[in-house]
Amino acid sequence: MTPSFEKVRQLLRLLPGLGHRSAERIALHLLVEKPAKLAPLLASLEAAAQCVRRCDRCGSLAEAPLCEVCSDPKRDPGSLCIVEQVPDLMALERSLAHRGTYHVLHGRLSPINGVGPEDLNLTTLEQRLRDEPITEVVLALGNDIEGEATCHYVRECIHGIRDTIKVSRIGFGLPSGSGLTFADPATLRSALEGRRDVGA
């Protein structure tokens, strides 16, 4: 293999979910088998890098100050679903189970890995709790120790701002230790419908 090919393969391996063989297949596909696909892919990546940003309100993907969900007047402004990452939001959207709005934390509390509250998207969440007519918050975080710790912290933040907001946790349906991204729509729908009140 050439040095240039090897560099492409190594860079592709840095992407999540791609191992040695997957990276090699993609590199061969774009450089040797279907080189005509490379130019439009590069152009779309460059264009997206210029215009894709975080939504000012919820932290999801957007190309304007607000994402499509936040700018949709048909969404229920009283129901807020908090997720860890953008792929979790996308998975819930595919399930069609939540018709309110979202808030993306962009991580979860993990003292071992040096992730504290200041590293999460909590400032805008606190502002939303003060300014928006939110009556229910659904905590849709993974079912593991870090997910539980994050839920506990967020719940305390919510009740410290407005103790009239109902806080619930999605039911699991989902395997213990697993996240939302790879769950099928039916499982996600069951998890949301089976959410439980976490109390004060």
N, C-alpha and C. Protein backbone atom coordinates (compact mmCIF):
# COMPACT_ATOMS: atom_id res chain seq x y z
N MET A 1 0.84 -1.19 0.00
CA MET A 1 0.00 0.00 0.00
C MET A 1 0.88 1.25 0.00
N THR A 2 0.36 2.31 -0.59
CA THR A 2 1.14 3.55 -0.69
C THR A 2 1.05 4.35 0.62
N PRO A 3 2.01 5.24 0.86
CA PRO A 3 1.96 6.08 2.06
C PRO A 3 0.70 6.94 2.13
N SER A 4 0.23 7.46 1.00
CA SER A 4 -0.97 8.29 0.98
C SER A 4 -2.20 7.48 1.36
N PHE A 5 -2.29 6.26 0.80
CA PHE A 5 -3.42 5.38 1.14
C PHE A 5 -3.38 5.05 2.63
N GLU A 6 -2.22 4.75 3.14
CA GLU A 6 -2.09 4.38 4.55
C GLU A 6 -2.52 5.53 5.45
N LYS A 7 -2.19 6.76 5.05
CA LYS A 7 -2.58 7.91 5.85
C LYS A 7 -4.09 8.05 5.89
N VAL A 8 -4.75 7.87 4.74
CA VAL A 8 -6.22 7.93 4.68
C VAL A 8 -6.82 6.85 5.56
N ARG A 9 -6.28 5.65 5.47
CA ARG A 9 -6.80 4.54 6.28
C ARG A 9 -6.64 4.83 7.77
N GLN A 10 -5.51 5.35 8.17
CA GLN A 10 -5.28 5.65 9.58
C GLN A 10 -6.24 6.74 10.08
N LEU A 11 -6.48 7.76 9.27
CA LEU A 11 -7.40 8.82 9.66
C LEU A 11 -8.84 8.31 9.76
N LEU A 12 -9.23 7.43 8.84
CA LEU A 12 -10.57 6.85 8.90
C LEU A 12 -10.75 6.00 10.15
N ARG A 13 -9.69 5.35 10.59
CA ARG A 13 -9.77 4.52 11.80
C ARG A 13 -10.06 5.35 13.04
N LEU A 14 -9.78 6.64 12.99
CA LEU A 14 -10.05 7.50 14.13
C LEU A 14 -11.54 7.80 14.30
N LEU A 15 -12.32 7.54 13.25
CA LEU A 15 -13.76 7.79 13.33
C LEU A 15 -14.43 6.73 14.18
N PRO A 16 -15.48 7.11 14.94
CA PRO A 16 -16.16 6.13 15.80
C PRO A 16 -16.81 5.02 14.99
N GLY A 17 -16.64 3.80 15.47
CA GLY A 17 -17.27 2.64 14.84
C GLY A 17 -16.49 2.03 13.69
N LEU A 18 -15.35 2.60 13.35
CA LEU A 18 -14.57 2.06 12.24
C LEU A 18 -13.31 1.39 12.76
N GLY A 19 -13.18 0.11 12.47
CA GLY A 19 -11.97 -0.62 12.79
C GLY A 19 -11.04 -0.64 11.59
N HIS A 20 -9.99 -1.46 11.68
CA HIS A 20 -8.98 -1.55 10.63
C HIS A 20 -9.59 -1.94 9.28
N ARG A 21 -10.39 -3.01 9.28
CA ARG A 21 -10.94 -3.51 8.01
C ARG A 21 -11.97 -2.56 7.41
N SER A 22 -12.83 -1.99 8.26
CA SER A 22 -13.83 -1.04 7.75
C SER A 22 -13.16 0.18 7.15
N ALA A 23 -12.14 0.70 7.83
CA ALA A 23 -11.42 1.86 7.31
C ALA A 23 -10.74 1.53 5.98
N GLU A 24 -10.18 0.35 5.89
CA GLU A 24 -9.53 -0.07 4.65
C GLU A 24 -10.53 -0.18 3.52
N ARG A 25 -11.71 -0.77 3.79
CA ARG A 25 -12.74 -0.92 2.76
C ARG A 25 -13.21 0.44 2.25
N ILE A 26 -13.44 1.38 3.16
CA ILE A 26 -13.90 2.70 2.76
C ILE A 26 -12.83 3.41 1.94
N ALA A 27 -11.58 3.34 2.37
CA ALA A 27 -10.49 3.98 1.63
C ALA A 27 -10.37 3.39 0.22
N LEU A 28 -10.43 2.06 0.10
CA LEU A 28 -10.36 1.42 -1.22
C LEU A 28 -11.55 1.81 -2.08
N HIS A 29 -12.73 1.86 -1.48
CA HIS A 29 -13.94 2.20 -2.22
C HIS A 29 -13.84 3.60 -2.83
N LEU A 30 -13.38 4.57 -2.01
CA LEU A 30 -13.33 5.96 -2.47
C LEU A 30 -12.15 6.27 -3.38
N LEU A 31 -11.03 5.61 -3.14
CA LEU A 31 -9.83 5.94 -3.91
C LEU A 31 -9.62 5.07 -5.15
N VAL A 32 -10.12 3.84 -5.11
CA VAL A 32 -9.84 2.91 -6.22
C VAL A 32 -11.10 2.47 -6.95
N GLU A 33 -12.09 1.99 -6.18
CA GLU A 33 -13.26 1.38 -6.81
C GLU A 33 -14.27 2.41 -7.34
N LYS A 34 -14.57 3.43 -6.55
CA LYS A 34 -15.56 4.43 -6.95
C LYS A 34 -15.02 5.84 -6.71
N PRO A 35 -13.93 6.22 -7.37
CA PRO A 35 -13.33 7.55 -7.12
C PRO A 35 -14.25 8.71 -7.45
N ALA A 36 -15.26 8.48 -8.30
CA ALA A 36 -16.20 9.55 -8.65
C ALA A 36 -17.01 10.00 -7.44
N LYS A 37 -17.11 9.15 -6.42
CA LYS A 37 -17.88 9.51 -5.22
C LYS A 37 -17.08 10.41 -4.27
N LEU A 38 -15.78 10.47 -4.48
CA LEU A 38 -14.93 11.19 -3.54
C LEU A 38 -15.16 12.70 -3.58
N ALA A 39 -15.22 13.28 -4.77
CA ALA A 39 -15.36 14.74 -4.89
C ALA A 39 -16.64 15.25 -4.24
N PRO A 40 -17.82 14.65 -4.53
CA PRO A 40 -19.04 15.15 -3.87
C PRO A 40 -19.02 14.95 -2.36
N LEU A 41 -18.38 13.87 -1.90
CA LEU A 41 -18.27 13.65 -0.45
C LEU A 41 -17.43 14.74 0.19
N LEU A 42 -16.28 15.04 -0.41
CA LEU A 42 -15.41 16.09 0.13
C LEU A 42 -16.11 17.44 0.11
N ALA A 43 -16.84 17.72 -0.97
CA ALA A 43 -17.54 19.01 -1.08
C ALA A 43 -18.62 19.13 -0.02
N SER A 44 -19.36 18.05 0.22
CA SER A 44 -20.43 18.11 1.21
C SER A 44 -19.86 18.23 2.62
N LEU A 45 -18.73 17.58 2.89
CA LEU A 45 -18.09 17.71 4.20
C LEU A 45 -17.60 19.14 4.43
N GLU A 46 -16.99 19.73 3.41
CA GLU A 46 -16.51 21.11 3.54
C GLU A 46 -17.67 22.07 3.74
N ALA A 47 -18.77 21.86 3.00
CA ALA A 47 -19.94 22.74 3.14
C ALA A 47 -20.55 22.60 4.52
N ALA A 48 -20.67 21.35 5.00
CA ALA A 48 -21.25 21.11 6.32
C ALA A 48 -20.38 21.71 7.42
N ALA A 49 -19.07 21.62 7.25
CA ALA A 49 -18.16 22.19 8.25
C ALA A 49 -18.34 23.69 8.37
N GLN A 50 -18.76 24.34 7.29
CA GLN A 50 -18.96 25.78 7.31
C GLN A 50 -20.29 26.19 7.92
N CYS A 51 -21.33 25.35 7.74
CA CYS A 51 -22.67 25.82 8.14
C CYS A 51 -23.31 25.04 9.29
N VAL A 52 -22.88 23.84 9.58
CA VAL A 52 -23.50 23.07 10.68
C VAL A 52 -22.93 23.55 12.00
N ARG A 53 -23.79 23.79 12.95
CA ARG A 53 -23.42 24.33 14.26
C ARG A 53 -24.35 23.74 15.32
N ARG A 54 -24.13 24.13 16.56
CA ARG A 54 -25.04 23.73 17.63
C ARG A 54 -26.20 24.71 17.72
N CYS A 55 -27.38 24.19 17.93
CA CYS A 55 -28.56 25.02 18.16
C CYS A 55 -28.33 25.85 19.42
N ASP A 56 -28.64 27.15 19.34
CA ASP A 56 -28.44 28.04 20.48
C ASP A 56 -29.31 27.66 21.68
N ARG A 57 -30.43 26.99 21.40
CA ARG A 57 -31.38 26.69 22.47
C ARG A 57 -31.15 25.32 23.09
N CYS A 58 -31.05 24.29 22.24
CA CYS A 58 -31.01 22.91 22.78
C CYS A 58 -29.67 22.21 22.61
N GLY A 59 -28.80 22.70 21.72
CA GLY A 59 -27.51 22.07 21.52
C GLY A 59 -27.49 21.01 20.44
N SER A 60 -28.60 20.81 19.72
CA SER A 60 -28.62 19.84 18.63
C SER A 60 -27.96 20.43 17.39
N LEU A 61 -28.01 19.70 16.28
CA LEU A 61 -27.44 20.19 15.02
C LEU A 61 -28.37 21.23 14.40
N ALA A 62 -27.77 22.28 13.87
CA ALA A 62 -28.56 23.34 13.24
C ALA A 62 -27.72 24.02 12.17
N GLU A 63 -28.41 24.70 11.26
CA GLU A 63 -27.73 25.54 10.27
C GLU A 63 -28.18 26.99 10.42
N ALA A 64 -28.98 27.24 11.44
CA ALA A 64 -29.45 28.58 11.80
C ALA A 64 -29.34 28.66 13.31
N PRO A 65 -29.68 29.79 13.91
CA PRO A 65 -29.60 29.85 15.37
C PRO A 65 -30.40 28.75 16.08
N LEU A 66 -31.55 28.35 15.52
CA LEU A 66 -32.36 27.29 16.11
C LEU A 66 -32.46 26.10 15.16
N CYS A 67 -32.51 24.90 15.72
CA CYS A 67 -32.65 23.68 14.93
C CYS A 67 -34.10 23.52 14.48
N GLU A 68 -34.37 22.49 13.68
CA GLU A 68 -35.72 22.25 13.16
C GLU A 68 -36.72 21.97 14.27
N VAL A 69 -36.30 21.24 15.29
CA VAL A 69 -37.22 20.92 16.40
C VAL A 69 -37.57 22.18 17.17
N CYS A 70 -36.57 22.97 17.53
CA CYS A 70 -36.81 24.17 18.33
C CYS A 70 -37.62 25.22 17.57
N SER A 71 -37.53 25.24 16.25
CA SER A 71 -38.27 26.23 15.47
C SER A 71 -39.63 25.72 15.00
N ASP A 72 -40.01 24.51 15.40
CA ASP A 72 -41.29 23.92 15.00
C ASP A 72 -42.39 24.34 15.98
N PRO A 73 -43.35 25.16 15.54
CA PRO A 73 -44.40 25.63 16.45
C PRO A 73 -45.36 24.54 16.90
N LYS A 74 -45.33 23.38 16.24
CA LYS A 74 -46.24 22.29 16.61
C LYS A 74 -45.71 21.46 17.78
N ARG A 75 -44.48 21.70 18.19
CA ARG A 75 -43.91 20.97 19.31
C ARG A 75 -44.53 21.43 20.62
N ASP A 76 -44.66 20.50 21.56
CA ASP A 76 -45.20 20.81 22.88
C ASP A 76 -44.13 21.51 23.71
N PRO A 77 -44.30 22.80 24.02
CA PRO A 77 -43.27 23.53 24.75
C PRO A 77 -43.18 23.14 26.22
N GLY A 78 -44.18 22.39 26.71
CA GLY A 78 -44.18 22.02 28.11
C GLY A 78 -43.40 20.76 28.43
N SER A 79 -43.07 19.97 27.40
CA SER A 79 -42.38 18.70 27.60
C SER A 79 -40.96 18.77 27.05
N LEU A 80 -39.99 18.61 27.93
CA LEU A 80 -38.57 18.70 27.56
C LEU A 80 -37.90 17.36 27.82
N CYS A 81 -37.26 16.81 26.81
CA CYS A 81 -36.54 15.54 26.93
C CYS A 81 -35.04 15.82 26.91
N ILE A 82 -34.35 15.40 27.96
CA ILE A 82 -32.91 15.63 28.06
C ILE A 82 -32.16 14.37 27.65
N VAL A 83 -31.23 14.53 26.70
CA VAL A 83 -30.44 13.41 26.20
C VAL A 83 -28.96 13.73 26.35
N GLU A 84 -28.15 12.67 26.22
CA GLU A 84 -26.71 12.83 26.38
C GLU A 84 -26.05 13.41 25.14
N GLN A 85 -26.37 12.84 23.97
CA GLN A 85 -25.71 13.23 22.73
C GLN A 85 -26.72 13.40 21.61
N VAL A 86 -26.31 14.06 20.52
CA VAL A 86 -27.18 14.27 19.37
C VAL A 86 -27.69 12.95 18.77
N PRO A 87 -26.87 11.88 18.65
CA PRO A 87 -27.42 10.63 18.13
C PRO A 87 -28.57 10.07 18.96
N ASP A 88 -28.57 10.34 20.27
CA ASP A 88 -29.69 9.91 21.11
C ASP A 88 -30.97 10.65 20.71
N LEU A 89 -30.84 11.95 20.48
CA LEU A 89 -31.98 12.74 20.02
C LEU A 89 -32.51 12.19 18.69
N MET A 90 -31.61 11.90 17.78
CA MET A 90 -32.02 11.38 16.47
C MET A 90 -32.75 10.05 16.61
N ALA A 91 -32.26 9.21 17.52
CA ALA A 91 -32.91 7.90 17.73
C ALA A 91 -34.32 8.09 18.27
N LEU A 92 -34.50 9.02 19.21
CA LEU A 92 -35.83 9.27 19.76
C LEU A 92 -36.75 9.87 18.71
N GLU A 93 -36.23 10.74 17.87
CA GLU A 93 -37.04 11.31 16.80
C GLU A 93 -37.54 10.23 15.85
N ARG A 94 -36.70 9.25 15.55
CA ARG A 94 -37.12 8.16 14.67
C ARG A 94 -38.25 7.34 15.29
N SER A 95 -38.29 7.30 16.62
CA SER A 95 -39.33 6.51 17.29
C SER A 95 -40.68 7.21 17.27
N LEU A 96 -40.70 8.51 16.99
CA LEU A 96 -41.93 9.33 16.96
C LEU A 96 -42.67 9.33 18.30
N ALA A 97 -41.97 9.04 19.38
CA ALA A 97 -42.61 8.92 20.69
C ALA A 97 -42.64 10.23 21.47
N HIS A 98 -41.78 11.17 21.12
CA HIS A 98 -41.71 12.43 21.87
C HIS A 98 -42.02 13.59 20.95
N ARG A 99 -43.04 14.36 21.30
CA ARG A 99 -43.44 15.50 20.47
C ARG A 99 -43.16 16.84 21.14
N GLY A 100 -42.36 16.80 22.20
CA GLY A 100 -41.94 18.04 22.84
C GLY A 100 -40.61 18.50 22.27
N THR A 101 -39.83 19.19 23.09
CA THR A 101 -38.52 19.66 22.67
C THR A 101 -37.44 18.84 23.36
N TYR A 102 -36.18 19.13 23.05
CA TYR A 102 -35.05 18.38 23.58
C TYR A 102 -34.02 19.33 24.19
N HIS A 103 -33.12 18.73 24.95
CA HIS A 103 -31.92 19.44 25.38
C HIS A 103 -30.78 18.42 25.39
N VAL A 104 -29.68 18.75 24.69
CA VAL A 104 -28.55 17.84 24.55
C VAL A 104 -27.45 18.28 25.52
N LEU A 105 -27.05 17.37 26.41
CA LEU A 105 -26.01 17.69 27.39
C LEU A 105 -24.60 17.65 26.82
N HIS A 106 -24.42 16.92 25.73
CA HIS A 106 -23.10 16.72 25.12
C HIS A 106 -22.13 16.04 26.11
N GLY A 107 -22.63 15.01 26.76
CA GLY A 107 -21.80 14.25 27.69
C GLY A 107 -22.59 13.88 28.93
N ARG A 108 -21.88 13.26 29.86
CA ARG A 108 -22.47 12.92 31.15
C ARG A 108 -21.39 13.01 32.21
N LEU A 109 -21.81 13.15 33.43
CA LEU A 109 -20.85 13.28 34.52
C LEU A 109 -20.00 12.02 34.63
N SER A 110 -18.70 12.22 34.70
CA SER A 110 -17.77 11.11 34.79
C SER A 110 -16.50 11.59 35.50
N PRO A 111 -16.52 11.62 36.84
CA PRO A 111 -15.35 12.11 37.59
C PRO A 111 -14.07 11.38 37.24
N ILE A 112 -14.17 10.08 36.95
CA ILE A 112 -12.97 9.30 36.60
C ILE A 112 -12.31 9.85 35.34
N ASN A 113 -13.15 10.30 34.40
CA ASN A 113 -12.64 10.84 33.14
C ASN A 113 -12.52 12.36 33.16
N GLY A 114 -12.69 12.95 34.34
CA GLY A 114 -12.54 14.40 34.47
C GLY A 114 -13.67 15.21 33.89
N VAL A 115 -14.87 14.63 33.77
CA VAL A 115 -16.02 15.35 33.23
C VAL A 115 -16.92 15.78 34.39
N GLY A 116 -16.99 17.08 34.62
CA GLY A 116 -17.81 17.63 35.68
C GLY A 116 -18.98 18.42 35.12
N PRO A 117 -19.82 18.99 35.98
CA PRO A 117 -20.98 19.76 35.53
C PRO A 117 -20.63 20.90 34.58
N GLU A 118 -19.46 21.52 34.80
CA GLU A 118 -19.05 22.65 33.96
C GLU A 118 -18.75 22.22 32.52
N ASP A 119 -18.58 20.92 32.29
CA ASP A 119 -18.28 20.40 30.95
C ASP A 119 -19.54 20.05 30.17
N LEU A 120 -20.69 20.10 30.82
CA LEU A 120 -21.95 19.75 30.17
C LEU A 120 -22.72 21.01 29.78
N ASN A 121 -23.68 20.83 28.89
CA ASN A 121 -24.51 21.93 28.38
C ASN A 121 -25.63 22.24 29.38
N LEU A 122 -25.23 22.73 30.55
CA LEU A 122 -26.19 22.97 31.63
C LEU A 122 -26.61 24.43 31.77
N THR A 123 -25.77 25.36 31.35
CA THR A 123 -26.11 26.78 31.50
C THR A 123 -27.36 27.14 30.71
N THR A 124 -27.42 26.70 29.45
CA THR A 124 -28.61 27.00 28.65
C THR A 124 -29.82 26.23 29.16
N LEU A 125 -29.60 25.03 29.72
CA LEU A 125 -30.72 24.28 30.32
C LEU A 125 -31.32 25.06 31.47
N GLU A 126 -30.49 25.58 32.35
CA GLU A 126 -30.97 26.34 33.49
C GLU A 126 -31.74 27.58 33.03
N GLN A 127 -31.26 28.22 31.97
CA GLN A 127 -31.96 29.39 31.43
C GLN A 127 -33.31 29.00 30.87
N ARG A 128 -33.38 27.87 30.20
CA ARG A 128 -34.65 27.40 29.64
C ARG A 128 -35.65 27.08 30.74
N LEU A 129 -35.17 26.50 31.82
CA LEU A 129 -36.07 26.17 32.93
C LEU A 129 -36.66 27.43 33.55
N ARG A 130 -35.91 28.52 33.51
CA ARG A 130 -36.41 29.79 34.05
C ARG A 130 -37.37 30.49 33.08
N ASP A 131 -37.07 30.40 31.77
CA ASP A 131 -37.78 31.22 30.79
C ASP A 131 -38.92 30.53 30.06
N GLU A 132 -38.89 29.21 29.95
CA GLU A 132 -39.87 28.52 29.12
C GLU A 132 -40.97 27.87 29.96
N PRO A 133 -42.14 27.65 29.36
CA PRO A 133 -43.28 27.07 30.10
C PRO A 133 -43.17 25.55 30.26
N ILE A 134 -42.06 25.09 30.77
CA ILE A 134 -41.81 23.65 30.89
C ILE A 134 -42.54 23.10 32.12
N THR A 135 -43.31 22.04 31.92
CA THR A 135 -44.03 21.41 33.03
C THR A 135 -43.51 20.01 33.33
N GLU A 136 -42.85 19.40 32.35
CA GLU A 136 -42.29 18.05 32.55
C GLU A 136 -40.93 17.94 31.89
N VAL A 137 -39.99 17.32 32.60
CA VAL A 137 -38.69 17.00 32.04
C VAL A 137 -38.53 15.49 32.04
N VAL A 138 -38.22 14.93 30.88
CA VAL A 138 -37.97 13.50 30.75
C VAL A 138 -36.47 13.29 30.66
N LEU A 139 -35.90 12.55 31.59
CA LEU A 139 -34.47 12.25 31.58
C LEU A 139 -34.26 10.98 30.78
N ALA A 140 -33.69 11.13 29.59
CA ALA A 140 -33.48 10.00 28.68
C ALA A 140 -32.00 9.73 28.53
N LEU A 141 -31.38 9.34 29.64
CA LEU A 141 -29.95 9.06 29.65
C LEU A 141 -29.73 7.56 29.84
N GLY A 142 -28.54 7.10 29.53
CA GLY A 142 -28.21 5.69 29.61
C GLY A 142 -28.40 5.10 31.00
N ASN A 143 -28.62 3.79 31.02
CA ASN A 143 -28.92 3.08 32.26
C ASN A 143 -27.64 2.47 32.85
N ASP A 144 -26.73 3.36 33.29
CA ASP A 144 -25.51 2.90 33.94
C ASP A 144 -25.19 3.87 35.07
N ILE A 145 -24.08 3.67 35.76
CA ILE A 145 -23.76 4.47 36.93
C ILE A 145 -23.60 5.95 36.56
N GLU A 146 -22.90 6.23 35.48
CA GLU A 146 -22.70 7.62 35.08
C GLU A 146 -24.00 8.27 34.65
N GLY A 147 -24.84 7.50 33.95
CA GLY A 147 -26.14 8.02 33.55
C GLY A 147 -27.01 8.33 34.76
N GLU A 148 -27.00 7.45 35.74
CA GLU A 148 -27.78 7.68 36.96
C GLU A 148 -27.27 8.89 37.72
N ALA A 149 -25.94 9.03 37.82
CA ALA A 149 -25.36 10.18 38.52
C ALA A 149 -25.73 11.49 37.82
N THR A 150 -25.71 11.47 36.49
CA THR A 150 -26.07 12.67 35.74
C THR A 150 -27.54 13.00 35.93
N CYS A 151 -28.39 11.98 35.92
CA CYS A 151 -29.83 12.20 36.15
C CYS A 151 -30.06 12.82 37.53
N HIS A 152 -29.37 12.30 38.53
CA HIS A 152 -29.53 12.83 39.89
C HIS A 152 -29.10 14.29 39.95
N TYR A 153 -27.99 14.63 39.33
CA TYR A 153 -27.49 16.01 39.34
C TYR A 153 -28.48 16.93 38.62
N VAL A 154 -28.94 16.53 37.44
CA VAL A 154 -29.86 17.36 36.66
C VAL A 154 -31.17 17.54 37.41
N ARG A 155 -31.66 16.47 38.04
CA ARG A 155 -32.90 16.56 38.81
C ARG A 155 -32.77 17.60 39.94
N GLU A 156 -31.62 17.60 40.62
CA GLU A 156 -31.38 18.57 41.69
C GLU A 156 -31.34 19.99 41.13
N CYS A 157 -30.75 20.16 39.96
CA CYS A 157 -30.72 21.48 39.31
C CYS A 157 -32.14 21.96 38.99
N ILE A 158 -32.94 21.05 38.45
CA ILE A 158 -34.31 21.40 38.07
C ILE A 158 -35.11 21.84 39.29
N HIS A 159 -35.06 21.05 40.34
CA HIS A 159 -35.84 21.37 41.54
C HIS A 159 -35.29 22.60 42.26
N GLY A 160 -34.02 22.91 42.05
CA GLY A 160 -33.46 24.12 42.63
C GLY A 160 -33.95 25.38 41.94
N ILE A 161 -34.41 25.22 40.69
CA ILE A 161 -34.91 26.37 39.92
C ILE A 161 -36.43 26.45 39.99
N ARG A 162 -37.11 25.31 39.72
CA ARG A 162 -38.58 25.28 39.76
C ARG A 162 -39.01 23.91 40.26
N ASP A 163 -39.46 23.85 41.50
CA ASP A 163 -39.83 22.56 42.08
C ASP A 163 -41.21 22.09 41.65
N THR A 164 -41.88 22.86 40.77
CA THR A 164 -43.20 22.43 40.26
C THR A 164 -43.08 21.58 39.00
N ILE A 165 -41.87 21.48 38.44
CA ILE A 165 -41.69 20.69 37.23
C ILE A 165 -41.66 19.20 37.57
N LYS A 166 -42.46 18.44 36.85
CA LYS A 166 -42.45 16.98 37.03
C LYS A 166 -41.21 16.42 36.33
N VAL A 167 -40.45 15.61 37.04
CA VAL A 167 -39.25 14.99 36.47
C VAL A 167 -39.46 13.49 36.39
N SER A 168 -39.31 12.93 35.20
CA SER A 168 -39.46 11.48 35.01
C SER A 168 -38.23 10.93 34.32
N ARG A 169 -38.09 9.64 34.46
CA ARG A 169 -36.94 8.92 33.88
C ARG A 169 -37.51 7.89 32.93
N ILE A 170 -36.92 7.76 31.73
CA ILE A 170 -37.46 6.77 30.79
C ILE A 170 -37.36 5.38 31.41
N GLY A 171 -38.32 4.53 31.05
CA GLY A 171 -38.28 3.14 31.51
C GLY A 171 -37.25 2.36 30.72
N PHE A 172 -36.82 1.30 31.24
CA PHE A 172 -35.82 0.45 30.57
C PHE A 172 -36.34 -0.96 30.52
N GLY A 173 -36.79 -1.24 29.39
CA GLY A 173 -36.69 -1.55 28.01
C GLY A 173 -35.28 -1.69 27.45
N LEU A 174 -34.42 -0.78 27.74
CA LEU A 174 -33.08 -0.81 27.16
C LEU A 174 -32.16 -1.68 28.02
N PRO A 175 -31.22 -2.38 27.41
CA PRO A 175 -30.30 -3.21 28.19
C PRO A 175 -29.48 -2.37 29.17
N SER A 176 -29.23 -2.90 30.34
CA SER A 176 -28.43 -2.20 31.33
C SER A 176 -27.03 -1.94 30.79
N GLY A 177 -26.55 -0.72 30.98
CA GLY A 177 -25.23 -0.35 30.49
C GLY A 177 -25.22 0.12 29.05
N SER A 178 -26.42 0.14 28.42
CA SER A 178 -26.49 0.52 27.01
C SER A 178 -27.00 1.95 26.87
N GLY A 179 -26.72 2.56 25.73
CA GLY A 179 -27.22 3.89 25.43
C GLY A 179 -28.43 3.81 24.52
N LEU A 180 -28.85 4.97 23.98
CA LEU A 180 -30.06 5.04 23.17
C LEU A 180 -29.80 4.87 21.68
N THR A 181 -28.60 5.19 21.25
CA THR A 181 -28.33 5.33 19.82
C THR A 181 -28.67 4.07 19.02
N PHE A 182 -28.39 2.89 19.57
CA PHE A 182 -28.55 1.67 18.80
C PHE A 182 -29.84 0.92 19.11
N ALA A 183 -30.71 1.52 19.93
CA ALA A 183 -31.98 0.88 20.24
C ALA A 183 -32.95 1.04 19.07
N ASP A 184 -33.80 0.03 18.87
CA ASP A 184 -34.77 0.12 17.80
C ASP A 184 -35.95 1.01 18.22
N PRO A 185 -36.72 1.54 17.26
CA PRO A 185 -37.81 2.47 17.59
C PRO A 185 -38.84 1.91 18.57
N ALA A 186 -39.19 0.63 18.44
CA ALA A 186 -40.19 0.05 19.34
C ALA A 186 -39.70 0.04 20.78
N THR A 187 -38.42 -0.30 20.97
CA THR A 187 -37.85 -0.30 22.32
C THR A 187 -37.83 1.11 22.90
N LEU A 188 -37.47 2.09 22.07
CA LEU A 188 -37.44 3.47 22.53
C LEU A 188 -38.84 3.95 22.89
N ARG A 189 -39.82 3.58 22.09
CA ARG A 189 -41.20 3.97 22.38
C ARG A 189 -41.65 3.39 23.71
N SER A 190 -41.34 2.12 23.94
CA SER A 190 -41.70 1.49 25.21
C SER A 190 -40.99 2.15 26.38
N ALA A 191 -39.72 2.50 26.18
CA ALA A 191 -38.95 3.13 27.24
C ALA A 191 -39.55 4.48 27.62
N LEU A 192 -39.93 5.27 26.60
CA LEU A 192 -40.52 6.57 26.89
C LEU A 192 -41.89 6.43 27.55
N GLU A 193 -42.70 5.51 27.05
CA GLU A 193 -44.03 5.33 27.63
C GLU A 193 -43.97 4.75 29.03
N GLY A 194 -42.87 4.05 29.35
CA GLY A 194 -42.73 3.45 30.67
C GLY A 194 -41.89 4.28 31.62
N ARG A 195 -41.72 5.57 31.30
CA ARG A 195 -40.90 6.41 32.19
C ARG A 195 -41.55 6.50 33.56
N ARG A 196 -40.70 6.74 34.56
CA ARG A 196 -41.18 6.77 35.95
C ARG A 196 -40.78 8.07 36.62
N ASP A 197 -41.59 8.47 37.58
CA ASP A 197 -41.33 9.68 38.34
C ASP A 197 -40.14 9.43 39.26
N VAL A 198 -39.16 10.35 39.25
CA VAL A 198 -38.01 10.17 40.11
C VAL A 198 -38.15 10.96 41.42
N GLY A 199 -39.26 11.66 41.57
CA GLY A 199 -39.54 12.33 42.85
C GLY A 199 -38.64 13.52 43.11
N ALA A 200 -38.76 14.01 44.32
CA ALA A 200 -38.00 15.19 44.70
C ALA A 200 -36.63 14.82 45.22
